[in-house]
Amino acid sequence: MTIVFQQTNRAKIILIAYVVLIWFLLVLGGSLLGTFVQYPLVFYLTVGGPVILFVAGYLLSDAFRRFVRSLVGDPWVITALQTYRVLGVSMAIEALRNTLPAVFGLPAGFGDLFIGVTALLAAASWSSGGRRGLAVFVLWNVLGLLDLLIAVSTGVLAAFTQSGPITMAPMRLYPLSLVPAFGVPLAFILHFTGLAQFWYLSRKEAASLESPHLQQHRATSDRPV
């Protein structure tokens, strides 16, 4: 199966790039100013808020879905972008240094490293256009989402169970706070969008292949006996 995609609009890309840049600067400011330490609720909203807003907008708004589809076009780019996930290995390093709980840092850090290292391979698999390549692309996105869910769940578990000198407190301090406050929601949005775009383009391609057969069948059935 070969999936055809539309070229993205450069003006939209520039707009989204500035939105993401402003988002990052706000998170960076909150991290540097210690806002996430003083106000934990702000930290949690920063982590989950963008994901909830994006998913809700995509599922509930036709206009937003059309905007995202026209912006993304070929998911190759948003897949390759996830090479930044290799930075998440910093959590595993901190866990090995006994700065973060191992139950959180090791799976989250090495999981991010794996997804980041394989991002370009997943992008290449998508570009192949074959069934196996597309299957690899879907599997990679599912594993990426699973990695994020494991990181969040083990982080919550460690926050409520770990005591003593090794706690989750560093994750709300600069620079580690940039990972959950910006990297995690961005990664979730990219994975969600990649899978959604795959589903949309696959259905579009299937419909285009099915239409001629339906038309031929209708023409045959309408012939007088």
C-alpha atoms as a PDB file:
ATOM      1  CA  MET A   1       0.000   0.000   0.000  1.00  0.00           C
ATOM      2  CA  THR A   2       1.358   3.378  -1.027  1.00  0.00           C
ATOM      3  CA  ILE A   3       0.047   6.347   0.920  1.00  0.00           C
ATOM      4  CA  VAL A   4      -0.155   9.705  -0.836  1.00  0.00           C
ATOM      5  CA  PHE A   5       0.256  12.835   1.242  1.00  0.00           C
ATOM      6  CA  GLN A   6      -0.214  16.549   0.646  1.00  0.00           C
ATOM      7  CA  GLN A   7       2.506  19.131   0.949  1.00  0.00           C
ATOM      8  CA  THR A   8       2.323  21.103   4.177  1.00  0.00           C
ATOM      9  CA  ASN A   9       1.797  24.847   4.249  1.00  0.00           C
ATOM     10  CA  ARG A  10       5.012  26.665   5.165  1.00  0.00           C
ATOM     11  CA  ALA A  11       3.148  29.553   6.784  1.00  0.00           C
ATOM     12  CA  LYS A  12       1.361  27.106   9.089  1.00  0.00           C
ATOM     13  CA  ILE A  13       4.654  25.425   9.929  1.00  0.00           C
ATOM     14  CA  ILE A  14       6.203  28.770  10.895  1.00  0.00           C
ATOM     15  CA  LEU A  15       3.170  29.573  13.054  1.00  0.00           C
ATOM     16  CA  ILE A  16       3.341  26.234  14.874  1.00  0.00           C
ATOM     17  CA  ALA A  17       7.112  26.565  15.296  1.00  0.00           C
ATOM     18  CA  TYR A  18       6.599  29.858  17.127  1.00  0.00           C
ATOM     19  CA  VAL A  19       3.814  28.355  19.249  1.00  0.00           C
ATOM     20  CA  VAL A  20       6.118  25.504  20.293  1.00  0.00           C
ATOM     21  CA  LEU A  21       8.967  27.963  20.917  1.00  0.00           C
ATOM     22  CA  ILE A  22       6.775  30.143  23.165  1.00  0.00           C
ATOM     23  CA  TRP A  23       5.580  27.003  24.942  1.00  0.00           C
ATOM     24  CA  PHE A  24       9.188  25.950  25.567  1.00  0.00           C
ATOM     25  CA  LEU A  25      10.192  29.419  26.817  1.00  0.00           C
ATOM     26  CA  LEU A  26       7.288  29.470  29.267  1.00  0.00           C
ATOM     27  CA  VAL A  27       8.290  26.055  30.600  1.00  0.00           C
ATOM     28  CA  LEU A  28      11.928  27.140  30.775  1.00  0.00           C
ATOM     29  CA  GLY A  29      10.925  30.248  32.722  1.00  0.00           C
ATOM     30  CA  GLY A  30       8.863  28.233  35.171  1.00  0.00           C
ATOM     31  CA  SER A  31      11.758  25.844  35.652  1.00  0.00           C
ATOM     32  CA  LEU A  32      14.380  28.543  36.192  1.00  0.00           C
ATOM     33  CA  LEU A  33      12.174  30.601  38.537  1.00  0.00           C
ATOM     34  CA  GLY A  34      11.333  27.590  40.695  1.00  0.00           C
ATOM     35  CA  THR A  35       7.617  27.863  39.942  1.00  0.00           C
ATOM     36  CA  PHE A  36       7.222  24.110  39.619  1.00  0.00           C
ATOM     37  CA  VAL A  37       8.694  23.623  43.096  1.00  0.00           C
ATOM     38  CA  GLN A  38       6.605  26.319  44.767  1.00  0.00           C
ATOM     39  CA  TYR A  39       3.373  25.374  42.990  1.00  0.00           C
ATOM     40  CA  PRO A  40       3.165  21.627  42.251  1.00  0.00           C
ATOM     41  CA  LEU A  41      -0.283  22.040  40.693  1.00  0.00           C
ATOM     42  CA  VAL A  42       1.221  24.299  38.018  1.00  0.00           C
ATOM     43  CA  PHE A  43       3.759  21.588  37.267  1.00  0.00           C
ATOM     44  CA  TYR A  44       1.111  18.890  36.868  1.00  0.00           C
ATOM     45  CA  LEU A  45      -1.039  21.139  34.672  1.00  0.00           C
ATOM     46  CA  THR A  46       2.011  21.903  32.537  1.00  0.00           C
ATOM     47  CA  VAL A  47       2.613  18.190  32.018  1.00  0.00           C
ATOM     48  CA  GLY A  48      -0.976  17.102  31.325  1.00  0.00           C
ATOM     49  CA  GLY A  49      -2.699  20.246  30.107  1.00  0.00           C
ATOM     50  CA  PRO A  50      -1.278  20.409  26.556  1.00  0.00           C
ATOM     51  CA  VAL A  51      -2.002  16.709  25.978  1.00  0.00           C
ATOM     52  CA  ILE A  52      -5.617  16.987  27.146  1.00  0.00           C
ATOM     53  CA  LEU A  53      -6.245  20.124  25.084  1.00  0.00           C
ATOM     54  CA  PHE A  54      -4.685  18.677  21.930  1.00  0.00           C
ATOM     55  CA  VAL A  55      -6.411  15.280  22.091  1.00  0.00           C
ATOM     56  CA  ALA A  56      -9.764  16.857  22.964  1.00  0.00           C
ATOM     57  CA  GLY A  57      -9.408  19.359  20.131  1.00  0.00           C
ATOM     58  CA  TYR A  58      -8.526  16.634  17.632  1.00  0.00           C
ATOM     59  CA  LEU A  59     -11.363  14.328  18.650  1.00  0.00           C
ATOM     60  CA  LEU A  60     -14.069  16.962  19.050  1.00  0.00           C
ATOM     61  CA  SER A  61     -13.320  19.592  16.405  1.00  0.00           C
ATOM     62  CA  ASP A  62     -13.477  18.927  12.660  1.00  0.00           C
ATOM     63  CA  ALA A  63     -11.763  22.245  11.965  1.00  0.00           C
ATOM     64  CA  PHE A  64      -8.857  21.387  14.278  1.00  0.00           C
ATOM     65  CA  ARG A  65      -8.504  17.932  12.721  1.00  0.00           C
ATOM     66  CA  ARG A  66      -8.350  19.432   9.240  1.00  0.00           C
ATOM     67  CA  PHE A  67      -5.769  21.945  10.417  1.00  0.00           C
ATOM     68  CA  VAL A  68      -3.555  19.235  11.939  1.00  0.00           C
ATOM     69  CA  ARG A  69      -3.866  17.012   8.869  1.00  0.00           C
ATOM     70  CA  SER A  70      -2.958  19.823   6.502  1.00  0.00           C
ATOM     71  CA  LEU A  71      -0.069  20.847   8.725  1.00  0.00           C
ATOM     72  CA  VAL A  72       1.454  17.397   9.187  1.00  0.00           C
ATOM     73  CA  GLY A  73       1.070  16.023   5.685  1.00  0.00           C
ATOM     74  CA  ASP A  74       3.800  13.400   5.624  1.00  0.00           C
ATOM     75  CA  PRO A  75       4.434  12.066   9.184  1.00  0.00           C
ATOM     76  CA  TRP A  76       8.096  11.512   8.300  1.00  0.00           C
ATOM     77  CA  VAL A  77       9.084  14.882   9.730  1.00  0.00           C
ATOM     78  CA  ILE A  78       7.314  14.595  13.086  1.00  0.00           C
ATOM     79  CA  THR A  79       8.718  11.069  13.429  1.00  0.00           C
ATOM     80  CA  ALA A  80      12.302  12.096  12.723  1.00  0.00           C
ATOM     81  CA  LEU A  81      11.917  14.997  15.177  1.00  0.00           C
ATOM     82  CA  GLN A  82      11.679  12.521  18.020  1.00  0.00           C
ATOM     83  CA  THR A  83      15.401  11.938  17.931  1.00  0.00           C
ATOM     84  CA  TYR A  84      15.384  14.553  20.705  1.00  0.00           C
ATOM     85  CA  ARG A  85      14.095  11.799  22.978  1.00  0.00           C
ATOM     86  CA  VAL A  86      17.689  10.611  23.457  1.00  0.00           C
ATOM     87  CA  LEU A  87      18.000  13.491  25.944  1.00  0.00           C
ATOM     88  CA  GLY A  88      15.701  11.532  28.227  1.00  0.00           C
ATOM     89  CA  VAL A  89      18.599   9.210  29.048  1.00  0.00           C
ATOM     90  CA  SER A  90      19.562  11.908  31.559  1.00  0.00           C
ATOM     91  CA  MET A  91      16.941  10.415  33.878  1.00  0.00           C
ATOM     92  CA  ALA A  92      18.649   7.016  33.757  1.00  0.00           C
ATOM     93  CA  ILE A  93      22.002   8.680  34.418  1.00  0.00           C
ATOM     94  CA  GLU A  94      20.582  10.469  37.456  1.00  0.00           C
ATOM     95  CA  ALA A  95      19.083   7.214  38.702  1.00  0.00           C
ATOM     96  CA  LEU A  96      22.464   5.506  38.400  1.00  0.00           C
ATOM     97  CA  ARG A  97      23.956   8.399  40.381  1.00  0.00           C
ATOM     98  CA  ASN A  98      21.317   7.815  43.092  1.00  0.00           C
ATOM     99  CA  THR A  99      19.738  11.210  42.436  1.00  0.00           C
ATOM    100  CA  LEU A 100      16.420   9.795  41.185  1.00  0.00           C
ATOM    101  CA  PRO A 101      14.542   6.620  42.178  1.00  0.00           C
ATOM    102  CA  ALA A 102      15.686   3.717  40.005  1.00  0.00           C
ATOM    103  CA  VAL A 103      12.115   2.443  39.608  1.00  0.00           C
ATOM    104  CA  PHE A 104      11.404   5.611  37.626  1.00  0.00           C
ATOM    105  CA  GLY A 105      14.696   6.772  36.145  1.00  0.00           C
ATOM    106  CA  LEU A 106      15.923   3.527  34.584  1.00  0.00           C
ATOM    107  CA  PRO A 107      12.843   2.507  32.540  1.00  0.00           C
ATOM    108  CA  ALA A 108      11.982   6.109  31.652  1.00  0.00           C
ATOM    109  CA  GLY A 109      15.525   7.055  30.671  1.00  0.00           C
ATOM    110  CA  PHE A 110      16.448   3.971  28.688  1.00  0.00           C
ATOM    111  CA  GLY A 111      12.990   3.871  27.114  1.00  0.00           C
ATOM    112  CA  ASP A 112      13.439   7.419  25.848  1.00  0.00           C
ATOM    113  CA  LEU A 113      16.909   6.551  24.586  1.00  0.00           C
ATOM    114  CA  PHE A 114      15.546   3.616  22.599  1.00  0.00           C
ATOM    115  CA  ILE A 115      12.758   5.676  21.036  1.00  0.00           C
ATOM    116  CA  GLY A 116      15.141   8.502  20.163  1.00  0.00           C
ATOM    117  CA  VAL A 117      17.750   6.221  18.621  1.00  0.00           C
ATOM    118  CA  THR A 118      15.139   4.418  16.500  1.00  0.00           C
ATOM    119  CA  ALA A 119      13.195   7.523  15.431  1.00  0.00           C
ATOM    120  CA  LEU A 120      15.010   7.849  12.101  1.00  0.00           C
ATOM    121  CA  LEU A 121      14.516   4.135  11.433  1.00  0.00           C
ATOM    122  CA  ALA A 122      10.794   4.535  12.053  1.00  0.00           C
ATOM    123  CA  ALA A 123      10.726   7.524   9.708  1.00  0.00           C
ATOM    124  CA  ALA A 124      12.522   5.492   7.044  1.00  0.00           C
ATOM    125  CA  SER A 125      10.061   2.631   7.556  1.00  0.00           C
ATOM    126  CA  TRP A 126       7.189   5.029   6.934  1.00  0.00           C
ATOM    127  CA  SER A 127       8.855   6.363   3.790  1.00  0.00           C
ATOM    128  CA  SER A 128       9.206   2.834   2.391  1.00  0.00           C
ATOM    129  CA  GLY A 129       5.442   2.759   1.888  1.00  0.00           C
ATOM    130  CA  GLY A 130       5.320  -1.042   2.195  1.00  0.00           C
ATOM    131  CA  ARG A 131       3.103  -2.952   4.581  1.00  0.00           C
ATOM    132  CA  ARG A 132       6.030  -4.044   6.739  1.00  0.00           C
ATOM    133  CA  GLY A 133       7.381  -0.502   6.874  1.00  0.00           C
ATOM    134  CA  LEU A 134       4.009   0.887   7.905  1.00  0.00           C
ATOM    135  CA  ALA A 135       3.656  -1.867  10.509  1.00  0.00           C
ATOM    136  CA  VAL A 136       7.051  -0.895  11.955  1.00  0.00           C
ATOM    137  CA  PHE A 137       5.955   2.752  11.982  1.00  0.00           C
ATOM    138  CA  VAL A 138       2.774   1.934  13.918  1.00  0.00           C
ATOM    139  CA  LEU A 139       4.609  -0.370  16.333  1.00  0.00           C
ATOM    140  CA  TRP A 140       7.247   2.295  17.016  1.00  0.00           C
ATOM    141  CA  ASN A 141       4.586   4.893  17.840  1.00  0.00           C
ATOM    142  CA  VAL A 142       2.760   2.462  20.114  1.00  0.00           C
ATOM    143  CA  LEU A 143       6.020   1.662  21.927  1.00  0.00           C
ATOM    144  CA  GLY A 144       6.713   5.396  22.236  1.00  0.00           C
ATOM    145  CA  LEU A 145       3.331   5.994  23.855  1.00  0.00           C
ATOM    146  CA  LEU A 146       3.863   2.983  26.117  1.00  0.00           C
ATOM    147  CA  ASP A 147       7.229   4.405  27.185  1.00  0.00           C
ATOM    148  CA  LEU A 148       5.575   7.686  28.137  1.00  0.00           C
ATOM    149  CA  LEU A 149       2.810   5.942  30.089  1.00  0.00           C
ATOM    150  CA  ILE A 150       5.377   3.838  31.952  1.00  0.00           C
ATOM    151  CA  ALA A 151       7.402   6.951  32.767  1.00  0.00           C
ATOM    152  CA  VAL A 152       4.370   8.801  34.111  1.00  0.00           C
ATOM    153  CA  SER A 153       3.039   5.825  36.088  1.00  0.00           C
ATOM    154  CA  THR A 154       6.405   4.936  37.652  1.00  0.00           C
ATOM    155  CA  GLY A 155       6.965   8.619  38.398  1.00  0.00           C
ATOM    156  CA  VAL A 156       3.675   8.812  40.285  1.00  0.00           C
ATOM    157  CA  LEU A 157       4.462   5.542  42.052  1.00  0.00           C
ATOM    158  CA  ALA A 158       7.903   6.768  43.102  1.00  0.00           C
ATOM    159  CA  ALA A 159       6.513  10.108  44.261  1.00  0.00           C
ATOM    160  CA  PHE A 160       4.138   8.403  46.689  1.00  0.00           C
ATOM    161  CA  THR A 161       6.362   5.540  47.833  1.00  0.00           C
ATOM    162  CA  GLN A 162       9.948   6.807  47.873  1.00  0.00           C
ATOM    163  CA  SER A 163      11.295   8.514  50.978  1.00  0.00           C
ATOM    164  CA  GLY A 164      14.690   9.475  52.308  1.00  0.00           C
ATOM    165  CA  PRO A 165      17.410  11.188  50.280  1.00  0.00           C
ATOM    166  CA  ILE A 166      16.320   9.757  46.904  1.00  0.00           C
ATOM    167  CA  THR A 167      12.976  11.205  45.803  1.00  0.00           C
ATOM    168  CA  MET A 168      11.255  12.636  42.731  1.00  0.00           C
ATOM    169  CA  ALA A 169      11.937  16.219  43.853  1.00  0.00           C
ATOM    170  CA  PRO A 170      14.689  16.846  41.228  1.00  0.00           C
ATOM    171  CA  MET A 171      12.129  16.335  38.451  1.00  0.00           C
ATOM    172  CA  ARG A 172      10.577  19.697  39.373  1.00  0.00           C
ATOM    173  CA  LEU A 173      13.935  21.477  39.336  1.00  0.00           C
ATOM    174  CA  TYR A 174      15.907  22.883  36.416  1.00  0.00           C
ATOM    175  CA  PRO A 175      17.056  21.272  34.156  1.00  0.00           C
ATOM    176  CA  LEU A 176      15.310  17.913  34.697  1.00  0.00           C
ATOM    177  CA  SER A 177      11.896  19.574  34.926  1.00  0.00           C
ATOM    178  CA  LEU A 178      12.129  20.391  31.200  1.00  0.00           C
ATOM    179  CA  VAL A 179      11.741  16.679  30.426  1.00  0.00           C
ATOM    180  CA  PRO A 180       8.286  16.081  31.970  1.00  0.00           C
ATOM    181  CA  ALA A 181       7.027  19.654  31.542  1.00  0.00           C
ATOM    182  CA  PHE A 182       7.916  19.996  27.853  1.00  0.00           C
ATOM    183  CA  GLY A 183       9.459  16.845  26.382  1.00  0.00           C
ATOM    184  CA  VAL A 184       6.788  14.410  27.569  1.00  0.00           C
ATOM    185  CA  PRO A 185       3.668  16.278  26.369  1.00  0.00           C
ATOM    186  CA  LEU A 186       5.383  17.154  23.085  1.00  0.00           C
ATOM    187  CA  ALA A 187       6.322  13.502  22.516  1.00  0.00           C
ATOM    188  CA  PHE A 188       2.786  12.339  23.312  1.00  0.00           C
ATOM    189  CA  ILE A 189       1.313  14.838  20.852  1.00  0.00           C
ATOM    190  CA  LEU A 190       3.766  13.761  18.134  1.00  0.00           C
ATOM    191  CA  HIS A 191       3.015  10.064  18.639  1.00  0.00           C
ATOM    192  CA  PHE A 192      -0.740  10.657  18.734  1.00  0.00           C
ATOM    193  CA  THR A 193      -0.577  12.803  15.608  1.00  0.00           C
ATOM    194  CA  GLY A 194       1.569  10.273  13.758  1.00  0.00           C
ATOM    195  CA  LEU A 195      -0.893   7.457  14.428  1.00  0.00           C
ATOM    196  CA  ALA A 196      -3.883   9.663  13.646  1.00  0.00           C
ATOM    197  CA  GLN A 197      -2.325  10.756  10.356  1.00  0.00           C
ATOM    198  CA  PHE A 198      -1.549   7.142   9.462  1.00  0.00           C
ATOM    199  CA  TRP A 199      -5.163   6.185  10.131  1.00  0.00           C
ATOM    200  CA  TYR A 200      -6.495   9.115   8.100  1.00  0.00           C
ATOM    201  CA  LEU A 201      -4.204   8.562   5.103  1.00  0.00           C
ATOM    202  CA  SER A 202      -4.802   4.805   5.140  1.00  0.00           C
ATOM    203  CA  ARG A 203      -8.573   5.283   5.031  1.00  0.00           C
ATOM    204  CA  LYS A 204      -8.199   7.906   2.317  1.00  0.00           C
ATOM    205  CA  GLU A 205      -6.066   5.572   0.212  1.00  0.00           C
ATOM    206  CA  ALA A 206      -8.455   2.658   0.758  1.00  0.00           C
ATOM    207  CA  ALA A 207     -11.408   4.803  -0.306  1.00  0.00           C
ATOM    208  CA  SER A 208      -9.639   5.928  -3.479  1.00  0.00           C
ATOM    209  CA  LEU A 209      -8.904   2.299  -4.417  1.00  0.00           C
ATOM    210  CA  GLU A 210     -12.413   1.140  -3.609  1.00  0.00           C
ATOM    211  CA  SER A 211     -14.299   3.842  -5.526  1.00  0.00           C
ATOM    212  CA  PRO A 212     -13.544   2.598  -9.093  1.00  0.00           C
ATOM    213  CA  HIS A 213     -14.658  -0.931  -8.182  1.00  0.00           C
ATOM    214  CA  LEU A 214     -17.887   0.367  -6.673  1.00  0.00           C
ATOM    215  CA  GLN A 215     -18.554   2.482  -9.740  1.00  0.00           C
ATOM    216  CA  GLN A 216     -17.927  -0.491 -12.029  1.00  0.00           C
ATOM    217  CA  HIS A 217     -20.191  -2.704  -9.930  1.00  0.00           C
ATOM    218  CA  ARG A 218     -22.993  -0.125  -9.993  1.00  0.00           C
ATOM    219  CA  ALA A 219     -22.623   0.313 -13.765  1.00  0.00           C
ATOM    220  CA  THR A 220     -22.854  -3.469 -14.265  1.00  0.00           C
ATOM    221  CA  SER A 221     -25.857  -3.832 -12.001  1.00  0.00           C
ATOM    222  CA  ASP A 222     -27.690  -1.020 -13.797  1.00  0.00           C
ATOM    223  CA  ARG A 223     -27.408  -2.692 -17.224  1.00  0.00           C
ATOM    224  CA  PRO A 224     -30.724  -3.957 -18.569  1.00  0.00           C
ATOM    225  CA  VAL A 225     -31.120  -7.741 -18.682  1.00  0.00           C
END
